């Protein structure tokens, strides 16, 4: 069953297959089969079917003819995987975690299944060449909430020390499926979703290099009381290179670390909501006077640090 599970995950993670089963979803008519299966007991069952309208069960589970002696728990786990792959994948899972032979296929296959389908005719002009350019384009075309989600998704991941180029830090990390599900709760956010300028993409040129940055306006943020040995935590080759590019001196007393929360903590009530919020934080290192900030690894959330909260509905961070 693990082999069949892996086959299904691999198949359903391809962006053009995602496009195809979304078409089948509209008519609730998805039939599938594993070519490697050839058994006498299955002779009357030419195809298995998946019911999008009732994803808690499928014809394979209801059909009495399908009796291959497997414990029901194995079937339920397998069908749970199918439901996650075929029903529960969010836009970012499909766009950024799906497999594509051509990088621009991510847009051609996934945009028509999303609220951004009106952008499909523009893809040919975008000159998409790698995953960084995919994310930069998403920061251009998406609505405010999705831009915020993509930014915090990037902040949840380790950024490879060998990443080249290291900037922009908000577009160079690898995003995984498990992280995408952290941002599903519909709790109020720590940002004004009604203001299109809450998060916007910009760029400027210096020394013949193009520097992209996000301007982010936040309701509340924490300034962390940086320990004397903070370089042990953020002095990686990645951070050093990013600060060099931004002309920030890591040894300066003006260097600060800021923590931004995705959810509005003033609205959180239950322990589960606080736990979810703790998993959705963004850490920045930079300089308030120069207003230049680079993202730090999510490793910071595991470190006990003193911090002070500052409420300022107009604070803008330039994140490179």
C-alpha atoms as a PDB file:
ATOM      1  CA  UNK A   1       0.000   0.000   0.000  1.00  0.00           C
ATOM      2  CA  UNK A   2       2.889   2.352   0.637  1.00  0.00           C
ATOM      3  CA  UNK A   3       4.006   1.782  -2.942  1.00  0.00           C
ATOM      4  CA  UNK A   4       0.521   2.665  -4.241  1.00  0.00           C
ATOM      5  CA  UNK A   5       0.436   5.644  -1.880  1.00  0.00           C
ATOM      6  CA  UNK A   6       3.742   6.962  -3.241  1.00  0.00           C
ATOM      7  CA  UNK A   7       2.570   6.411  -6.826  1.00  0.00           C
ATOM      8  CA  UNK A   8      -0.604   8.399  -6.207  1.00  0.00           C
ATOM      9  CA  UNK A   9       1.210  11.259  -4.464  1.00  0.00           C
ATOM     10  CA  UNK A  10       3.756  11.472  -7.283  1.00  0.00           C
ATOM     11  CA  UNK A  11       1.057  11.434  -9.965  1.00  0.00           C
ATOM     12  CA  UNK A  12      -1.259  13.927  -8.273  1.00  0.00           C
ATOM     13  CA  UNK A  13       1.583  16.370  -7.543  1.00  0.00           C
ATOM     14  CA  UNK A  14       2.289  17.105 -11.218  1.00  0.00           C
ATOM     15  CA  UNK A  15       0.910  20.495 -12.184  1.00  0.00           C
ATOM     16  CA  UNK A  16      -0.750  19.329 -15.414  1.00  0.00           C
ATOM     17  CA  UNK A  17      -2.357  16.403 -13.565  1.00  0.00           C
ATOM     18  CA  UNK A  18      -3.624  18.890 -10.976  1.00  0.00           C
ATOM     19  CA  UNK A  19      -5.192  20.812 -13.853  1.00  0.00           C
ATOM     20  CA  UNK A  20      -6.782  17.635 -15.218  1.00  0.00           C
ATOM     21  CA  UNK A  21      -8.320  16.430 -11.977  1.00  0.00           C
ATOM     22  CA  UNK A  22      -9.739  19.892 -11.338  1.00  0.00           C
ATOM     23  CA  UNK A  23     -11.603  19.504 -14.621  1.00  0.00           C
ATOM     24  CA  UNK A  24     -12.835  16.094 -13.425  1.00  0.00           C
ATOM     25  CA  UNK A  25     -13.818  17.678 -10.110  1.00  0.00           C
ATOM     26  CA  UNK A  26     -16.261  20.025 -11.854  1.00  0.00           C
ATOM     27  CA  UNK A  27     -18.189  17.010 -13.175  1.00  0.00           C
ATOM     28  CA  UNK A  28     -17.378  14.777 -10.182  1.00  0.00           C
ATOM     29  CA  UNK A  29     -16.072  12.199 -12.604  1.00  0.00           C
ATOM     30  CA  UNK A  30     -12.587  11.033 -11.686  1.00  0.00           C
ATOM     31  CA  UNK A  31     -11.699   7.426 -12.504  1.00  0.00           C
ATOM     32  CA  UNK A  32      -8.269   5.984 -11.888  1.00  0.00           C
ATOM     33  CA  UNK A  33      -6.407   2.698 -11.960  1.00  0.00           C
ATOM     34  CA  UNK A  34      -2.992   1.309 -11.111  1.00  0.00           C
ATOM     35  CA  UNK A  35      -1.610  -0.434 -14.184  1.00  0.00           C
ATOM     36  CA  UNK A  36       0.515  -2.696 -12.014  1.00  0.00           C
ATOM     37  CA  UNK A  37      -2.567  -4.231 -10.387  1.00  0.00           C
ATOM     38  CA  UNK A  38      -3.770  -7.408 -12.095  1.00  0.00           C
ATOM     39  CA  UNK A  39      -5.744  -9.721  -9.858  1.00  0.00           C
ATOM     40  CA  UNK A  40      -8.679 -12.076 -10.403  1.00  0.00           C
ATOM     41  CA  UNK A  41     -10.759 -10.502  -7.615  1.00  0.00           C
ATOM     42  CA  UNK A  42     -10.796  -7.143  -9.417  1.00  0.00           C
ATOM     43  CA  UNK A  43     -11.970  -8.422 -12.792  1.00  0.00           C
ATOM     44  CA  UNK A  44     -15.401  -6.716 -12.493  1.00  0.00           C
ATOM     45  CA  UNK A  45     -13.982  -3.385 -11.415  1.00  0.00           C
ATOM     46  CA  UNK A  46     -12.395  -1.693 -14.473  1.00  0.00           C
ATOM     47  CA  UNK A  47     -11.771   1.604 -12.685  1.00  0.00           C
ATOM     48  CA  UNK A  48     -11.760   3.052  -9.194  1.00  0.00           C
ATOM     49  CA  UNK A  49     -13.689   6.260  -8.671  1.00  0.00           C
ATOM     50  CA  UNK A  50     -13.196   9.217  -6.398  1.00  0.00           C
ATOM     51  CA  UNK A  51     -16.249  11.123  -5.195  1.00  0.00           C
ATOM     52  CA  UNK A  52     -15.364  14.798  -4.778  1.00  0.00           C
ATOM     53  CA  UNK A  53     -18.808  15.505  -3.298  1.00  0.00           C
ATOM     54  CA  UNK A  54     -18.275  12.970  -0.511  1.00  0.00           C
ATOM     55  CA  UNK A  55     -14.546  12.771   0.035  1.00  0.00           C
ATOM     56  CA  UNK A  56     -15.044  10.765   3.232  1.00  0.00           C
ATOM     57  CA  UNK A  57     -15.630   7.693   1.099  1.00  0.00           C
ATOM     58  CA  UNK A  58     -15.255   6.446  -2.442  1.00  0.00           C
ATOM     59  CA  UNK A  59     -16.520   3.686  -4.681  1.00  0.00           C
ATOM     60  CA  UNK A  60     -13.421   1.673  -3.838  1.00  0.00           C
ATOM     61  CA  UNK A  61     -14.368   1.590  -0.177  1.00  0.00           C
ATOM     62  CA  UNK A  62     -18.109   1.076  -0.688  1.00  0.00           C
ATOM     63  CA  UNK A  63     -17.816  -1.640  -3.309  1.00  0.00           C
ATOM     64  CA  UNK A  64     -18.276  -5.057  -1.719  1.00  0.00           C
ATOM     65  CA  UNK A  65     -16.483  -6.661  -4.640  1.00  0.00           C
ATOM     66  CA  UNK A  66     -13.249  -4.987  -3.594  1.00  0.00           C
ATOM     67  CA  UNK A  67     -12.086  -7.357  -0.889  1.00  0.00           C
ATOM     68  CA  UNK A  68      -8.340  -7.702  -0.921  1.00  0.00           C
ATOM     69  CA  UNK A  69      -7.949  -8.554   2.741  1.00  0.00           C
ATOM     70  CA  UNK A  70      -6.511  -5.216   3.800  1.00  0.00           C
ATOM     71  CA  UNK A  71      -7.331  -3.790   7.256  1.00  0.00           C
ATOM     72  CA  UNK A  72      -9.831  -0.941   7.081  1.00  0.00           C
ATOM     73  CA  UNK A  73      -7.357   1.432   8.759  1.00  0.00           C
ATOM     74  CA  UNK A  74      -4.984   1.025   5.806  1.00  0.00           C
ATOM     75  CA  UNK A  75      -7.781   1.903   3.399  1.00  0.00           C
ATOM     76  CA  UNK A  76      -8.795   4.917   5.486  1.00  0.00           C
ATOM     77  CA  UNK A  77      -5.207   6.206   5.574  1.00  0.00           C
ATOM     78  CA  UNK A  78      -4.930   5.714   1.831  1.00  0.00           C
ATOM     79  CA  UNK A  79      -8.183   7.522   1.175  1.00  0.00           C
ATOM     80  CA  UNK A  80      -7.157  10.287   3.577  1.00  0.00           C
ATOM     81  CA  UNK A  81      -4.063  10.789   1.438  1.00  0.00           C
ATOM     82  CA  UNK A  82      -6.232  10.929  -1.689  1.00  0.00           C
ATOM     83  CA  UNK A  83      -8.479  13.537  -0.104  1.00  0.00           C
ATOM     84  CA  UNK A  84      -5.500  15.686   0.872  1.00  0.00           C
ATOM     85  CA  UNK A  85      -4.078  15.433  -2.649  1.00  0.00           C
ATOM     86  CA  UNK A  86      -7.277  15.881  -4.655  1.00  0.00           C
ATOM     87  CA  UNK A  87      -9.447  18.102  -2.444  1.00  0.00           C
ATOM     88  CA  UNK A  88      -7.488  19.872   0.266  1.00  0.00           C
ATOM     89  CA  UNK A  89      -4.476  21.299  -1.589  1.00  0.00           C
ATOM     90  CA  UNK A  90      -4.345  25.071  -1.377  1.00  0.00           C
ATOM     91  CA  UNK A  91      -3.141  27.391  -4.136  1.00  0.00           C
ATOM     92  CA  UNK A  92       0.414  27.582  -2.778  1.00  0.00           C
ATOM     93  CA  UNK A  93       0.751  23.803  -2.514  1.00  0.00           C
ATOM     94  CA  UNK A  94      -0.281  23.413  -6.132  1.00  0.00           C
ATOM     95  CA  UNK A  95       1.758  26.316  -7.473  1.00  0.00           C
ATOM     96  CA  UNK A  96       4.970  25.965  -5.454  1.00  0.00           C
ATOM     97  CA  UNK A  97       5.085  22.317  -4.369  1.00  0.00           C
ATOM     98  CA  UNK A  98       3.822  20.725  -7.582  1.00  0.00           C
ATOM     99  CA  UNK A  99       6.144  19.167 -10.135  1.00  0.00           C
ATOM    100  CA  UNK A 100       6.658  20.810 -13.528  1.00  0.00           C
ATOM    101  CA  UNK A 101       8.971  19.994 -16.428  1.00  0.00           C
ATOM    102  CA  UNK A 102       8.863  23.663 -17.496  1.00  0.00           C
ATOM    103  CA  UNK A 103       8.864  26.373 -14.869  1.00  0.00           C
ATOM    104  CA  UNK A 104       6.191  28.459 -16.634  1.00  0.00           C
ATOM    105  CA  UNK A 105       3.855  25.432 -16.660  1.00  0.00           C
ATOM    106  CA  UNK A 106       3.114  26.202 -13.024  1.00  0.00           C
ATOM    107  CA  UNK A 107       1.212  29.281 -14.166  1.00  0.00           C
ATOM    108  CA  UNK A 108      -0.372  27.736 -17.256  1.00  0.00           C
ATOM    109  CA  UNK A 109      -1.675  24.742 -15.290  1.00  0.00           C
ATOM    110  CA  UNK A 110      -2.596  26.261 -11.925  1.00  0.00           C
ATOM    111  CA  UNK A 111      -3.805  29.819 -12.623  1.00  0.00           C
ATOM    112  CA  UNK A 112      -6.974  28.616 -14.448  1.00  0.00           C
ATOM    113  CA  UNK A 113      -7.920  26.698 -11.264  1.00  0.00           C
ATOM    114  CA  UNK A 114      -7.555  29.791  -9.084  1.00  0.00           C
ATOM    115  CA  UNK A 115      -9.022  33.242  -8.550  1.00  0.00           C
ATOM    116  CA  UNK A 116      -6.172  34.586 -10.674  1.00  0.00           C
ATOM    117  CA  UNK A 117      -7.319  32.865 -13.870  1.00  0.00           C
ATOM    118  CA  UNK A 118      -7.728  36.237 -15.604  1.00  0.00           C
ATOM    119  CA  UNK A 119      -3.902  36.522 -15.641  1.00  0.00           C
ATOM    120  CA  UNK A 120      -3.376  33.439 -17.813  1.00  0.00           C
ATOM    121  CA  UNK A 121      -3.026  35.402 -21.073  1.00  0.00           C
ATOM    122  CA  UNK A 122      -0.156  37.413 -19.588  1.00  0.00           C
ATOM    123  CA  UNK A 123       2.094  34.463 -18.700  1.00  0.00           C
ATOM    124  CA  UNK A 124       3.884  34.417 -22.043  1.00  0.00           C
ATOM    125  CA  UNK A 125       5.184  37.950 -21.352  1.00  0.00           C
ATOM    126  CA  UNK A 126       6.454  37.264 -17.827  1.00  0.00           C
ATOM    127  CA  UNK A 127       9.751  35.558 -18.748  1.00  0.00           C
ATOM    128  CA  UNK A 128       9.585  33.078 -15.871  1.00  0.00           C
ATOM    129  CA  UNK A 129      12.939  31.314 -15.524  1.00  0.00           C
ATOM    130  CA  UNK A 130      13.203  29.886 -11.986  1.00  0.00           C
ATOM    131  CA  UNK A 131      11.350  29.560  -8.688  1.00  0.00           C
ATOM    132  CA  UNK A 132      12.514  32.975  -7.515  1.00  0.00           C
ATOM    133  CA  UNK A 133      10.881  34.592 -10.554  1.00  0.00           C
ATOM    134  CA  UNK A 134       7.719  32.545  -9.865  1.00  0.00           C
ATOM    135  CA  UNK A 135       7.476  33.969  -6.337  1.00  0.00           C
ATOM    136  CA  UNK A 136       8.281  37.520  -7.426  1.00  0.00           C
ATOM    137  CA  UNK A 137       5.501  37.370  -9.986  1.00  0.00           C
ATOM    138  CA  UNK A 138       3.083  36.028  -7.371  1.00  0.00           C
ATOM    139  CA  UNK A 139       3.924  39.008  -5.152  1.00  0.00           C
ATOM    140  CA  UNK A 140       2.877  41.199  -8.085  1.00  0.00           C
ATOM    141  CA  UNK A 141      -0.424  39.605  -9.052  1.00  0.00           C
ATOM    142  CA  UNK A 142      -1.922  38.231  -5.826  1.00  0.00           C
ATOM    143  CA  UNK A 143      -4.276  39.934  -3.394  1.00  0.00           C
ATOM    144  CA  UNK A 144      -3.073  41.305  -0.064  1.00  0.00           C
ATOM    145  CA  UNK A 145      -3.839  38.248   2.084  1.00  0.00           C
ATOM    146  CA  UNK A 146      -2.140  35.829  -0.311  1.00  0.00           C
ATOM    147  CA  UNK A 147       0.946  38.052  -0.514  1.00  0.00           C
ATOM    148  CA  UNK A 148       1.154  38.047   3.284  1.00  0.00           C
ATOM    149  CA  UNK A 149       0.741  34.284   3.395  1.00  0.00           C
ATOM    150  CA  UNK A 150       3.510  33.758   0.845  1.00  0.00           C
ATOM    151  CA  UNK A 151       5.843  36.044   2.816  1.00  0.00           C
ATOM    152  CA  UNK A 152       5.250  34.163   6.065  1.00  0.00           C
ATOM    153  CA  UNK A 153       5.549  30.809   4.290  1.00  0.00           C
ATOM    154  CA  UNK A 154       9.036  31.883   3.240  1.00  0.00           C
ATOM    155  CA  UNK A 155       9.825  32.855   6.825  1.00  0.00           C
ATOM    156  CA  UNK A 156       8.890  29.418   8.141  1.00  0.00           C
ATOM    157  CA  UNK A 157      11.668  27.671   6.229  1.00  0.00           C
ATOM    158  CA  UNK A 158      15.407  27.344   6.525  1.00  0.00           C
ATOM    159  CA  UNK A 159      17.196  29.274   3.785  1.00  0.00           C
ATOM    160  CA  UNK A 160      20.113  27.341   2.356  1.00  0.00           C
ATOM    161  CA  UNK A 161      23.528  28.735   3.179  1.00  0.00           C
ATOM    162  CA  UNK A 162      24.556  27.936  -0.386  1.00  0.00           C
ATOM    163  CA  UNK A 163      21.683  29.873  -1.941  1.00  0.00           C
ATOM    164  CA  UNK A 164      22.948  32.154  -4.673  1.00  0.00           C
ATOM    165  CA  UNK A 165      21.797  34.839  -4.966  1.00  0.00           C
ATOM    166  CA  UNK A 166      20.725  35.251  -1.330  1.00  0.00           C
ATOM    167  CA  UNK A 167      18.497  38.219  -2.126  1.00  0.00           C
ATOM    168  CA  UNK A 168      15.604  38.656  -2.088  1.00  0.00           C
ATOM    169  CA  UNK A 169      15.384  36.586   1.123  1.00  0.00           C
ATOM    170  CA  UNK A 170      11.575  36.453   0.856  1.00  0.00           C
ATOM    171  CA  UNK A 171      11.810  34.501  -2.412  1.00  0.00           C
ATOM    172  CA  UNK A 172      14.797  32.172  -2.003  1.00  0.00           C
ATOM    173  CA  UNK A 173      13.578  29.609   0.546  1.00  0.00           C
ATOM    174  CA  UNK A 174      11.947  26.297  -0.346  1.00  0.00           C
ATOM    175  CA  UNK A 175       8.294  26.006   0.671  1.00  0.00           C
ATOM    176  CA  UNK A 176       6.865  22.655   1.764  1.00  0.00           C
ATOM    177  CA  UNK A 177       3.316  21.307   1.811  1.00  0.00           C
ATOM    178  CA  UNK A 178       3.203  20.853   5.578  1.00  0.00           C
ATOM    179  CA  UNK A 179       3.926  24.550   6.113  1.00  0.00           C
ATOM    180  CA  UNK A 180       1.115  25.703   3.814  1.00  0.00           C
ATOM    181  CA  UNK A 181      -1.490  24.259   6.188  1.00  0.00           C
ATOM    182  CA  UNK A 182      -0.310  26.429   9.090  1.00  0.00           C
ATOM    183  CA  UNK A 183      -2.045  29.469   7.608  1.00  0.00           C
ATOM    184  CA  UNK A 184      -5.510  27.992   7.056  1.00  0.00           C
ATOM    185  CA  UNK A 185      -7.276  29.303  10.210  1.00  0.00           C
ATOM    186  CA  UNK A 186      -9.560  32.250   9.494  1.00  0.00           C
ATOM    187  CA  UNK A 187      -8.469  34.326  12.499  1.00  0.00           C
ATOM    188  CA  UNK A 188      -7.981  38.112  12.070  1.00  0.00           C
ATOM    189  CA  UNK A 189      -4.511  39.081  10.845  1.00  0.00           C
ATOM    190  CA  UNK A 190      -1.945  41.538  12.145  1.00  0.00           C
ATOM    191  CA  UNK A 191      -2.373  43.555   8.944  1.00  0.00           C
ATOM    192  CA  UNK A 192      -4.931  45.767   7.219  1.00  0.00           C
ATOM    193  CA  UNK A 193      -6.300  43.539   4.448  1.00  0.00           C
ATOM    194  CA  UNK A 194      -8.435  46.360   3.086  1.00  0.00           C
ATOM    195  CA  UNK A 195      -5.388  48.438   2.151  1.00  0.00           C
ATOM    196  CA  UNK A 196      -3.634  47.388  -1.068  1.00  0.00           C
ATOM    197  CA  UNK A 197      -0.449  49.145   0.074  1.00  0.00           C
ATOM    198  CA  UNK A 198      -0.143  46.854   3.118  1.00  0.00           C
ATOM    199  CA  UNK A 199       2.339  44.737   1.152  1.00  0.00           C
ATOM    200  CA  UNK A 200       3.795  45.794  -2.189  1.00  0.00           C
ATOM    201  CA  UNK A 201       6.743  44.699  -4.324  1.00  0.00           C
ATOM    202  CA  UNK A 202       9.362  47.254  -5.411  1.00  0.00           C
ATOM    203  CA  UNK A 203      12.869  47.282  -6.841  1.00  0.00           C
ATOM    204  CA  UNK A 204      15.812  49.610  -7.343  1.00  0.00           C
ATOM    205  CA  UNK A 205      19.175  49.360  -9.059  1.00  0.00           C
ATOM    206  CA  UNK A 206      22.587  49.763  -7.419  1.00  0.00           C
ATOM    207  CA  UNK A 207      25.979  48.893  -8.940  1.00  0.00           C
ATOM    208  CA  UNK A 208      24.203  47.421 -11.971  1.00  0.00           C
ATOM    209  CA  UNK A 209      22.307  44.988  -9.720  1.00  0.00           C
ATOM    210  CA  UNK A 210      18.525  44.842  -9.387  1.00  0.00           C
ATOM    211  CA  UNK A 211      17.377  44.705  -5.752  1.00  0.00           C
ATOM    212  CA  UNK A 212      13.804  43.602  -5.063  1.00  0.00           C
ATOM    213  CA  UNK A 213      12.153  44.445  -1.755  1.00  0.00           C
ATOM    214  CA  UNK A 214       8.733  44.273  -0.132  1.00  0.00           C
ATOM    215  CA  UNK A 215       7.230  47.236   1.672  1.00  0.00           C
ATOM    216  CA  UNK A 216       5.230  45.798   4.547  1.00  0.00           C
ATOM    217  CA  UNK A 217       2.935  47.796   6.837  1.00  0.00           C
ATOM    218  CA  UNK A 218       2.191  46.043  10.112  1.00  0.00           C
ATOM    219  CA  UNK A 219      -0.184  46.785  13.008  1.00  0.00           C
ATOM    220  CA  UNK A 220       2.044  45.424  15.776  1.00  0.00           C
ATOM    221  CA  UNK A 221       5.613  44.176  16.023  1.00  0.00           C
ATOM    222  CA  UNK A 222       8.118  43.079  18.636  1.00  0.00           C
ATOM    223  CA  UNK A 223      11.637  44.448  18.983  1.00  0.00           C
ATOM    224  CA  UNK A 224      13.711  41.646  20.440  1.00  0.00           C
ATOM    225  CA  UNK A 225      16.235  42.257  23.195  1.00  0.00           C
ATOM    226  CA  UNK A 226      19.210  40.910  21.257  1.00  0.00           C
ATOM    227  CA  UNK A 227      21.616  38.790  23.334  1.00  0.00           C
ATOM    228  CA  UNK A 228      25.342  39.570  23.241  1.00  0.00           C
ATOM    229  CA  UNK A 229      26.026  36.284  21.448  1.00  0.00           C
ATOM    230  CA  UNK A 230      23.342  36.847  18.808  1.00  0.00           C
ATOM    231  CA  UNK A 231      25.889  36.332  16.031  1.00  0.00           C
ATOM    232  CA  UNK A 232      26.003  32.690  17.086  1.00  0.00           C
ATOM    233  CA  UNK A 233      22.394  32.492  15.938  1.00  0.00           C
ATOM    234  CA  UNK A 234      22.330  34.737  12.879  1.00  0.00           C
ATOM    235  CA  UNK A 235      25.992  34.883  11.837  1.00  0.00           C
ATOM    236  CA  UNK A 236      25.603  32.256   9.127  1.00  0.00           C
ATOM    237  CA  UNK A 237      27.218  32.713   5.741  1.00  0.00           C
ATOM    238  CA  UNK A 238      23.782  33.435   4.338  1.00  0.00           C
ATOM    239  CA  UNK A 239      23.053  36.321   6.731  1.00  0.00           C
ATOM    240  CA  UNK A 240      26.570  37.730   6.425  1.00  0.00           C
ATOM    241  CA  UNK A 241      26.283  37.764   2.639  1.00  0.00           C
ATOM    242  CA  UNK A 242      22.806  39.311   2.735  1.00  0.00           C
ATOM    243  CA  UNK A 243      23.959  42.077   5.090  1.00  0.00           C
ATOM    244  CA  UNK A 244      27.002  42.760   2.925  1.00  0.00           C
ATOM    245  CA  UNK A 245      24.742  43.180  -0.090  1.00  0.00           C
ATOM    246  CA  UNK A 246      22.539  45.585   1.856  1.00  0.00           C
ATOM    247  CA  UNK A 247      25.523  47.461   3.322  1.00  0.00           C
ATOM    248  CA  UNK A 248      24.498  46.599   6.888  1.00  0.00           C
ATOM    249  CA  UNK A 249      27.185  46.214   9.552  1.00  0.00           C
ATOM    250  CA  UNK A 250      26.379  43.175  11.693  1.00  0.00           C
ATOM    251  CA  UNK A 251      28.574  44.507  14.507  1.00  0.00           C
ATOM    252  CA  UNK A 252      26.724  47.813  14.708  1.00  0.00           C
ATOM    253  CA  UNK A 253      24.609  48.583  17.768  1.00  0.00           C
ATOM    254  CA  UNK A 254      21.964  49.805  15.330  1.00  0.00           C
ATOM    255  CA  UNK A 255      21.278  46.234  14.177  1.00  0.00           C
ATOM    256  CA  UNK A 256      17.950  45.049  15.564  1.00  0.00           C
ATOM    257  CA  UNK A 257      15.870  41.907  15.379  1.00  0.00           C
ATOM    258  CA  UNK A 258      12.129  42.258  14.911  1.00  0.00           C
ATOM    259  CA  UNK A 259       9.379  39.668  15.226  1.00  0.00           C
ATOM    260  CA  UNK A 260       6.149  40.001  13.235  1.00  0.00           C
ATOM    261  CA  UNK A 261       3.091  37.853  13.894  1.00  0.00           C
ATOM    262  CA  UNK A 262       0.779  36.687  11.110  1.00  0.00           C
ATOM    263  CA  UNK A 263      -2.339  36.593  13.281  1.00  0.00           C
ATOM    264  CA  UNK A 264      -3.666  39.460  15.387  1.00  0.00           C
ATOM    265  CA  UNK A 265      -2.761  38.247  18.877  1.00  0.00           C
ATOM    266  CA  UNK A 266      -5.288  40.554  20.534  1.00  0.00           C
ATOM    267  CA  UNK A 267      -8.070  38.379  19.091  1.00  0.00           C
ATOM    268  CA  UNK A 268      -6.666  34.995  20.145  1.00  0.00           C
ATOM    269  CA  UNK A 269      -8.550  33.175  22.893  1.00  0.00           C
ATOM    270  CA  UNK A 270      -7.912  29.435  22.946  1.00  0.00           C
ATOM    271  CA  UNK A 271      -4.661  27.605  23.554  1.00  0.00           C
ATOM    272  CA  UNK A 272      -4.932  26.096  20.057  1.00  0.00           C
ATOM    273  CA  UNK A 273      -5.122  29.588  18.524  1.00  0.00           C
ATOM    274  CA  UNK A 274      -2.013  30.711  20.407  1.00  0.00           C
ATOM    275  CA  UNK A 275      -0.173  27.563  19.337  1.00  0.00           C
ATOM    276  CA  UNK A 276      -1.113  28.223  15.706  1.00  0.00           C
ATOM    277  CA  UNK A 277       0.064  31.824  16.011  1.00  0.00           C
ATOM    278  CA  UNK A 278       3.425  30.779  17.474  1.00  0.00           C
ATOM    279  CA  UNK A 279       4.073  28.715  14.331  1.00  0.00           C
ATOM    280  CA  UNK A 280       3.345  31.685  12.081  1.00  0.00           C
ATOM    281  CA  UNK A 281       5.922  34.330  12.912  1.00  0.00           C
ATOM    282  CA  UNK A 282       8.448  36.207  10.834  1.00  0.00           C
ATOM    283  CA  UNK A 283      11.866  37.297  12.123  1.00  0.00           C
ATOM    284  CA  UNK A 284      13.757  40.194  10.542  1.00  0.00           C
ATOM    285  CA  UNK A 285      17.263  41.515  11.080  1.00  0.00           C
ATOM    286  CA  UNK A 286      18.073  45.046  10.038  1.00  0.00           C
ATOM    287  CA  UNK A 287      18.366  48.730  10.782  1.00  0.00           C
ATOM    288  CA  UNK A 288      15.457  51.073  11.595  1.00  0.00           C
ATOM    289  CA  UNK A 289      17.256  54.188  10.367  1.00  0.00           C
ATOM    290  CA  UNK A 290      18.184  52.699   6.988  1.00  0.00           C
ATOM    291  CA  UNK A 291      14.949  50.683   6.928  1.00  0.00           C
ATOM    292  CA  UNK A 292      16.665  47.671   5.422  1.00  0.00           C
ATOM    293  CA  UNK A 293      15.662  44.229   6.648  1.00  0.00           C
ATOM    294  CA  UNK A 294      16.577  40.660   5.788  1.00  0.00           C
ATOM    295  CA  UNK A 295      14.658  37.575   6.866  1.00  0.00           C
ATOM    296  CA  UNK A 296      16.046  35.314   9.562  1.00  0.00           C
ATOM    297  CA  UNK A 297      15.584  31.579   9.838  1.00  0.00           C
ATOM    298  CA  UNK A 298      12.573  30.224  11.725  1.00  0.00           C
ATOM    299  CA  UNK A 299      15.120  28.742  14.158  1.00  0.00           C
ATOM    300  CA  UNK A 300      14.689  31.929  16.204  1.00  0.00           C
ATOM    301  CA  UNK A 301      11.283  30.826  17.434  1.00  0.00           C
ATOM    302  CA  UNK A 302      12.991  28.082  19.460  1.00  0.00           C
ATOM    303  CA  UNK A 303      15.189  30.560  21.349  1.00  0.00           C
ATOM    304  CA  UNK A 304      14.074  32.197  24.584  1.00  0.00           C
ATOM    305  CA  UNK A 305      14.382  35.942  23.988  1.00  0.00           C
ATOM    306  CA  UNK A 306      13.140  38.987  25.811  1.00  0.00           C
ATOM    307  CA  UNK A 307      11.155  41.364  23.677  1.00  0.00           C
ATOM    308  CA  UNK A 308       9.156  44.569  23.853  1.00  0.00           C
ATOM    309  CA  UNK A 309       5.944  45.087  21.943  1.00  0.00           C
ATOM    310  CA  UNK A 310       5.357  48.205  19.891  1.00  0.00           C
ATOM    311  CA  UNK A 311       1.949  49.077  18.503  1.00  0.00           C
ATOM    312  CA  UNK A 312       2.160  51.309  15.472  1.00  0.00           C
ATOM    313  CA  UNK A 313      -0.416  51.062  12.716  1.00  0.00           C
ATOM    314  CA  UNK A 314       1.791  52.910  10.248  1.00  0.00           C
ATOM    315  CA  UNK A 315       5.180  51.207  10.546  1.00  0.00           C
ATOM    316  CA  UNK A 316       6.612  50.199   7.167  1.00  0.00           C
ATOM    317  CA  UNK A 317       9.407  47.629   6.809  1.00  0.00           C
ATOM    318  CA  UNK A 318      11.481  47.327   3.629  1.00  0.00           C
ATOM    319  CA  UNK A 319      12.285  43.612   3.417  1.00  0.00           C
ATOM    320  CA  UNK A 320      14.998  42.538   0.974  1.00  0.00           C
END
